[in-house]
Amino acid sequence: MKKAVIFGIIVALLLLVGGFLVFKAVVQNKSPLLSPLVIKAINAFPDPTKPKVPASDLANKDIVNILLIGIDRRSKDETSFRSDTMILLSINTKNKRAVLTSVPRDLWVGGGRINALYASQGYEGIKNEFYKLTGQMADRYILTDFADFTWIVDAMDGVPVNVVNTFTDTEFPVDATLGYQTVTFTQGTEKLTGDRAIIYARSRHGNNGEGSDFMRQRRQHQILVGMLSAVLQPKSIFNPMVVENALKTVTTGRMETNISLADANFLWSFYKDKDLYKIESLYLESPDVFNPPMSDYGGAWVLIPTDPTNATFSTKVKNALLGIVDSSQSTASQSSN
């Protein structure tokens, strides 16, 4: 090929690129020189100055599972802690159903309590055990501690919950002094501040039937459901929601997660349909677990699955996600939001 021809091709390419840039500038400046049809055609070209956000692989799943892990870390320097709160959020995007599944912290798995699993095996360890228990494999996780949880509730300007039973806990721990304080919650609607929310979520020595790990699991679910509407309260820092900013805000020095910006954009895309979702809570409790003799476990009080295969409970989770009604599911409570 002659040099003149090569030069001509280069000049033509430069003119083509230059012409496109000129047209793009005209469009951005809203020049009347171009018709709306031409403007629409030019705007269809991707902007090379803006990085592309890859699509989330979660978009290819009918059911999305996110593991929520709450650890009892008191400070960021602390390296020894337990994961006392473990909730699997399962979302069936096809039939608009969401299931919150909790397991007790004293559940015995792999030679120890499940709440010690994160410290020894990390997210992968808890993910694998939840798969055995529920039949659902977590796709992503979010980990938070006491301070982070308190902060996000306050950042939303509080979270409204319906306190089912009036109760008083005279043994709620005060981390700063290693002592105890008395706290009370009164039946009815309360907009929880961050400090009140962490107490409501942690209390397990209350009276009036509220003094157990199983009851606080129910209160934790209440808070999560309340967050659905609280995130867009007028004084919430997340209102209006800008997904990229929100993700940076909650992960910078605070929560730990493997949710990417692409994932966050996908998850936020169906928030607009939240009121169409049926939300159901499931708890791994009696009759699906039992207390074995403490002497068999070195004097420790633990819980063991009644069905070693976990097939009974995993079927309950599957049925809840598919909307199959099972009258035997005494461990489930339903709510619409």
Foldseek 3Di string as FASTA:
>chain_A
DDPVVVVVVVVVVVCVVVVLVVVVVCLVVVPPPDDPVVSVVSVVDDDPVDDDDDADPCVVDQKAKEKEWEWADPDPPDLDIWRQWIWIWIARPPQQAIEIETEGQQADDPQGGPRRQCSPPNPVRNQVVVCQQAVDGHPKYKYFYLVLQLVQCVLLVFFKFFDQAWKKAQAPADVVVRGGHIDIDHGGIDGDHSVRLSCLLPAQCIPPPRNHSLNSNVSVVRRVVRVLVSCQDPNRPCVVPDQVVVVCVCPVVGMDMPQDSSNSVVVVVCSVVQQVHKYKYFYCDPPQWDWDPCVVSVNDTHIYGPDVSSPVNNVVNVCSNVVNDDPPRPRMDIDGD
